């Protein structure tokens, strides 16, 4: 981490200031996630072959339908409702 960030964190002197910083970090995190999803969504299309990275490992499938935040992906004959954030074009 940058020293300037560490110094700014160490200079926080009250709980109110800390809560304000936490709220700003959460907003920035939400923005970064939405940008990542928008980029991934723009590269997907129905019929695209995708790589799905989940807790069960990496699997490959085909996109059947794209929704606002999720996509229906067929993997080995089964349909799964997957968040777009875990999909990559294969």
N, C-alpha and C. Protein backbone atom coordinates (compact mmCIF):
# COMPACT_ATOMS: atom_id res chain seq x y z
N UNK A 1 0.83 -1.18 0.00
CA UNK A 1 0.00 0.00 0.00
C UNK A 1 0.87 1.24 0.00
N UNK A 2 0.33 2.30 -0.51
CA UNK A 2 1.08 3.55 -0.55
C UNK A 2 1.18 4.15 0.85
N UNK A 3 2.31 4.78 1.10
CA UNK A 3 2.53 5.37 2.42
C UNK A 3 1.54 6.50 2.70
N UNK A 4 1.16 7.23 1.64
CA UNK A 4 0.22 8.34 1.85
C UNK A 4 -1.13 7.84 2.34
N UNK A 5 -1.57 6.69 1.84
CA UNK A 5 -2.84 6.11 2.29
C UNK A 5 -2.73 5.67 3.74
N UNK A 6 -1.61 5.02 4.06
CA UNK A 6 -1.40 4.59 5.45
C UNK A 6 -1.35 5.78 6.40
N UNK A 7 -0.69 6.84 5.99
CA UNK A 7 -0.62 8.04 6.84
C UNK A 7 -2.00 8.66 7.02
N UNK A 8 -2.81 8.68 5.94
CA UNK A 8 -4.15 9.24 6.04
C UNK A 8 -5.02 8.41 6.98
N UNK A 9 -4.89 7.09 6.91
CA UNK A 9 -5.65 6.22 7.80
C UNK A 9 -5.23 6.43 9.26
N UNK A 10 -3.93 6.54 9.47
CA UNK A 10 -3.44 6.73 10.83
C UNK A 10 -3.82 8.09 11.40
N UNK A 11 -4.11 9.07 10.54
CA UNK A 11 -4.47 10.40 11.03
C UNK A 11 -5.95 10.51 11.41
N UNK A 12 -6.74 9.47 11.16
CA UNK A 12 -8.15 9.49 11.53
C UNK A 12 -8.25 9.46 13.05
N UNK A 13 -9.04 10.42 13.58
CA UNK A 13 -9.06 10.54 15.03
C UNK A 13 -10.41 10.25 15.68
N UNK A 14 -11.45 10.06 14.86
CA UNK A 14 -12.75 9.79 15.47
C UNK A 14 -13.48 8.69 14.70
N UNK A 15 -14.47 8.14 15.37
CA UNK A 15 -15.27 7.08 14.75
C UNK A 15 -16.09 7.62 13.58
N UNK A 16 -16.54 8.87 13.70
CA UNK A 16 -17.32 9.47 12.61
C UNK A 16 -16.49 9.58 11.33
N UNK A 17 -15.25 10.02 11.48
CA UNK A 17 -14.36 10.12 10.32
C UNK A 17 -14.11 8.74 9.72
N UNK A 18 -13.91 7.76 10.59
CA UNK A 18 -13.66 6.40 10.12
C UNK A 18 -14.87 5.85 9.36
N UNK A 19 -16.07 6.08 9.88
CA UNK A 19 -17.29 5.62 9.20
C UNK A 19 -17.46 6.30 7.85
N UNK A 20 -17.09 7.57 7.76
CA UNK A 20 -17.16 8.30 6.50
C UNK A 20 -16.21 7.70 5.47
N UNK A 21 -15.02 7.37 5.90
CA UNK A 21 -14.03 6.75 5.01
C UNK A 21 -14.52 5.38 4.55
N UNK A 22 -15.07 4.60 5.45
CA UNK A 22 -15.57 3.27 5.12
C UNK A 22 -16.68 3.37 4.08
N UNK A 23 -17.60 4.34 4.25
CA UNK A 23 -18.68 4.54 3.28
C UNK A 23 -18.13 4.89 1.90
N UNK A 24 -17.11 5.75 1.85
CA UNK A 24 -16.50 6.12 0.57
C UNK A 24 -15.82 4.93 -0.09
N UNK A 25 -15.18 4.09 0.70
CA UNK A 25 -14.52 2.90 0.15
C UNK A 25 -15.56 1.94 -0.41
N UNK A 26 -16.68 1.77 0.28
CA UNK A 26 -17.75 0.90 -0.21
C UNK A 26 -18.31 1.41 -1.53
N UNK A 27 -18.49 2.72 -1.65
CA UNK A 27 -18.99 3.30 -2.89
C UNK A 27 -18.01 3.05 -4.03
N UNK A 28 -16.73 3.24 -3.78
CA UNK A 28 -15.71 3.01 -4.80
C UNK A 28 -15.68 1.54 -5.20
N UNK A 29 -15.81 0.63 -4.25
CA UNK A 29 -15.83 -0.81 -4.53
C UNK A 29 -17.01 -1.16 -5.43
N UNK A 30 -18.17 -0.57 -5.15
CA UNK A 30 -19.36 -0.82 -5.97
C UNK A 30 -19.15 -0.32 -7.39
N UNK A 31 -18.51 0.85 -7.54
CA UNK A 31 -18.23 1.40 -8.87
C UNK A 31 -17.31 0.48 -9.65
N UNK A 32 -16.24 0.01 -9.01
CA UNK A 32 -15.28 -0.86 -9.69
C UNK A 32 -15.93 -2.18 -10.11
N UNK A 33 -16.80 -2.74 -9.26
CA UNK A 33 -17.49 -3.97 -9.62
C UNK A 33 -18.43 -3.77 -10.80
N UNK A 34 -19.14 -2.64 -10.82
CA UNK A 34 -20.08 -2.40 -11.91
C UNK A 34 -19.35 -2.20 -13.24
N UNK A 35 -18.18 -1.56 -13.20
CA UNK A 35 -17.37 -1.42 -14.42
C UNK A 35 -16.91 -2.77 -14.91
N UNK A 36 -16.47 -3.63 -14.00
CA UNK A 36 -16.01 -4.96 -14.37
C UNK A 36 -17.15 -5.77 -15.02
N UNK A 37 -18.34 -5.70 -14.45
CA UNK A 37 -19.50 -6.42 -14.99
C UNK A 37 -19.88 -5.86 -16.35
N UNK A 38 -19.83 -4.54 -16.51
CA UNK A 38 -20.19 -3.93 -17.79
C UNK A 38 -19.23 -4.36 -18.89
N UNK A 39 -17.95 -4.43 -18.59
CA UNK A 39 -16.97 -4.88 -19.58
C UNK A 39 -17.20 -6.34 -19.94
N UNK A 40 -17.45 -7.16 -18.93
CA UNK A 40 -17.69 -8.59 -19.18
C UNK A 40 -18.98 -8.78 -19.97
N UNK A 41 -20.01 -8.02 -19.63
CA UNK A 41 -21.31 -8.16 -20.29
C UNK A 41 -21.22 -7.74 -21.76
N UNK A 42 -20.41 -6.73 -22.05
CA UNK A 42 -20.30 -6.26 -23.43
C UNK A 42 -19.58 -7.28 -24.32
N UNK A 43 -18.77 -8.15 -23.72
CA UNK A 43 -18.05 -9.14 -24.51
C UNK A 43 -18.84 -10.44 -24.66
N UNK A 44 -19.96 -10.57 -23.95
CA UNK A 44 -20.77 -11.79 -24.02
C UNK A 44 -21.91 -11.64 -25.03
N UNK A 45 -22.28 -12.76 -25.62
CA UNK A 45 -23.45 -12.81 -26.50
C UNK A 45 -24.04 -14.21 -26.38
N UNK A 46 -25.32 -14.33 -26.75
CA UNK A 46 -25.97 -15.64 -26.71
C UNK A 46 -25.23 -16.56 -27.69
N UNK A 47 -24.86 -17.74 -27.21
CA UNK A 47 -24.11 -18.69 -28.01
C UNK A 47 -22.61 -18.63 -27.80
N UNK A 48 -22.14 -17.65 -27.02
CA UNK A 48 -20.71 -17.53 -26.74
C UNK A 48 -20.24 -18.69 -25.86
N UNK A 49 -19.06 -19.18 -26.16
CA UNK A 49 -18.44 -20.18 -25.28
C UNK A 49 -17.73 -19.42 -24.18
N UNK A 50 -17.98 -19.83 -22.93
CA UNK A 50 -17.44 -19.11 -21.78
C UNK A 50 -16.73 -20.04 -20.82
N UNK A 51 -15.84 -19.44 -20.05
CA UNK A 51 -15.16 -20.14 -18.96
C UNK A 51 -15.79 -19.63 -17.67
N UNK A 52 -16.27 -20.55 -16.85
CA UNK A 52 -16.93 -20.20 -15.59
C UNK A 52 -15.98 -20.56 -14.44
N UNK A 53 -15.60 -19.55 -13.67
CA UNK A 53 -14.73 -19.77 -12.52
C UNK A 53 -15.59 -19.71 -11.27
N UNK A 54 -15.77 -20.87 -10.63
CA UNK A 54 -16.60 -20.92 -9.42
C UNK A 54 -15.84 -21.63 -8.31
N UNK A 55 -16.51 -21.83 -7.20
CA UNK A 55 -15.85 -22.52 -6.08
C UNK A 55 -15.57 -23.98 -6.41
N UNK A 56 -16.26 -24.52 -7.43
CA UNK A 56 -16.03 -25.91 -7.85
C UNK A 56 -14.92 -26.03 -8.87
N UNK A 57 -14.25 -24.94 -9.18
CA UNK A 57 -13.17 -24.95 -10.15
C UNK A 57 -13.59 -24.26 -11.44
N UNK A 58 -12.86 -24.54 -12.50
CA UNK A 58 -13.11 -23.91 -13.79
C UNK A 58 -13.88 -24.88 -14.68
N UNK A 59 -14.97 -24.39 -15.28
CA UNK A 59 -15.76 -25.20 -16.19
C UNK A 59 -16.04 -24.38 -17.43
N UNK A 60 -16.37 -25.07 -18.52
CA UNK A 60 -16.66 -24.40 -19.78
C UNK A 60 -18.10 -24.66 -20.18
N UNK A 61 -18.74 -23.65 -20.76
CA UNK A 61 -20.13 -23.78 -21.16
C UNK A 61 -20.48 -22.82 -22.27
N UNK A 62 -21.78 -22.76 -22.58
CA UNK A 62 -22.31 -21.89 -23.64
C UNK A 62 -23.41 -21.01 -23.05
N UNK A 63 -23.39 -19.72 -23.38
CA UNK A 63 -24.39 -18.77 -22.89
C UNK A 63 -25.70 -18.99 -23.63
N UNK A 64 -26.79 -19.19 -22.87
CA UNK A 64 -28.13 -19.35 -23.44
C UNK A 64 -28.92 -18.05 -23.40
N UNK A 65 -28.76 -17.30 -22.30
CA UNK A 65 -29.53 -16.07 -22.12
C UNK A 65 -28.72 -15.12 -21.25
N UNK A 66 -28.80 -13.82 -21.55
CA UNK A 66 -28.12 -12.81 -20.75
C UNK A 66 -29.16 -11.92 -20.10
N UNK A 67 -29.09 -11.83 -18.78
CA UNK A 67 -30.00 -10.98 -18.01
C UNK A 67 -29.22 -9.74 -17.55
N UNK A 68 -29.80 -8.97 -16.66
CA UNK A 68 -29.16 -7.74 -16.21
C UNK A 68 -27.85 -8.01 -15.47
N UNK A 69 -27.88 -8.92 -14.50
CA UNK A 69 -26.67 -9.19 -13.69
C UNK A 69 -26.20 -10.63 -13.79
N UNK A 70 -27.00 -11.50 -14.40
CA UNK A 70 -26.64 -12.91 -14.49
C UNK A 70 -26.86 -13.42 -15.91
N UNK A 71 -26.31 -14.57 -16.18
CA UNK A 71 -26.50 -15.22 -17.47
C UNK A 71 -26.80 -16.69 -17.25
N UNK A 72 -27.65 -17.25 -18.09
CA UNK A 72 -27.93 -18.68 -18.03
C UNK A 72 -26.92 -19.37 -18.94
N UNK A 73 -26.16 -20.29 -18.33
CA UNK A 73 -25.08 -20.98 -19.04
C UNK A 73 -25.34 -22.47 -18.99
N UNK A 74 -25.20 -23.13 -20.15
CA UNK A 74 -25.33 -24.58 -20.21
C UNK A 74 -23.95 -25.19 -20.07
N UNK A 75 -23.80 -26.03 -19.03
CA UNK A 75 -22.53 -26.73 -18.78
C UNK A 75 -22.86 -28.21 -18.67
N UNK A 76 -22.31 -28.99 -19.57
CA UNK A 76 -22.52 -30.45 -19.59
C UNK A 76 -24.01 -30.82 -19.59
N UNK A 77 -24.81 -30.07 -20.33
CA UNK A 77 -26.23 -30.38 -20.45
C UNK A 77 -27.11 -29.81 -19.35
N UNK A 78 -26.53 -29.22 -18.33
CA UNK A 78 -27.30 -28.61 -17.24
C UNK A 78 -27.23 -27.10 -17.37
N UNK A 79 -28.33 -26.41 -17.01
CA UNK A 79 -28.38 -24.95 -17.09
C UNK A 79 -28.13 -24.36 -15.71
N UNK A 80 -27.25 -23.38 -15.68
CA UNK A 80 -26.90 -22.71 -14.43
C UNK A 80 -27.12 -21.21 -14.59
N UNK A 81 -27.59 -20.57 -13.53
CA UNK A 81 -27.77 -19.12 -13.48
C UNK A 81 -26.51 -18.54 -12.85
N UNK A 82 -25.61 -17.99 -13.66
CA UNK A 82 -24.29 -17.56 -13.19
C UNK A 82 -24.17 -16.04 -13.17
N UNK A 83 -23.56 -15.47 -12.14
CA UNK A 83 -23.27 -14.04 -12.15
C UNK A 83 -22.30 -13.74 -13.30
N UNK A 84 -22.51 -12.61 -13.95
CA UNK A 84 -21.67 -12.25 -15.10
C UNK A 84 -20.22 -12.05 -14.67
N UNK A 85 -20.02 -11.67 -13.41
CA UNK A 85 -18.66 -11.40 -12.93
C UNK A 85 -17.77 -12.64 -12.92
N UNK A 86 -18.34 -13.85 -12.94
CA UNK A 86 -17.51 -15.06 -12.92
C UNK A 86 -17.35 -15.66 -14.31
N UNK A 87 -17.85 -14.98 -15.34
CA UNK A 87 -17.77 -15.48 -16.71
C UNK A 87 -16.67 -14.79 -17.50
N UNK A 88 -15.98 -15.56 -18.32
CA UNK A 88 -14.98 -15.02 -19.25
C UNK A 88 -15.20 -15.70 -20.60
N UNK A 89 -15.01 -14.95 -21.67
CA UNK A 89 -15.14 -15.54 -23.00
C UNK A 89 -13.99 -16.51 -23.20
N UNK A 90 -14.33 -17.74 -23.62
CA UNK A 90 -13.29 -18.77 -23.79
C UNK A 90 -12.71 -18.73 -25.18
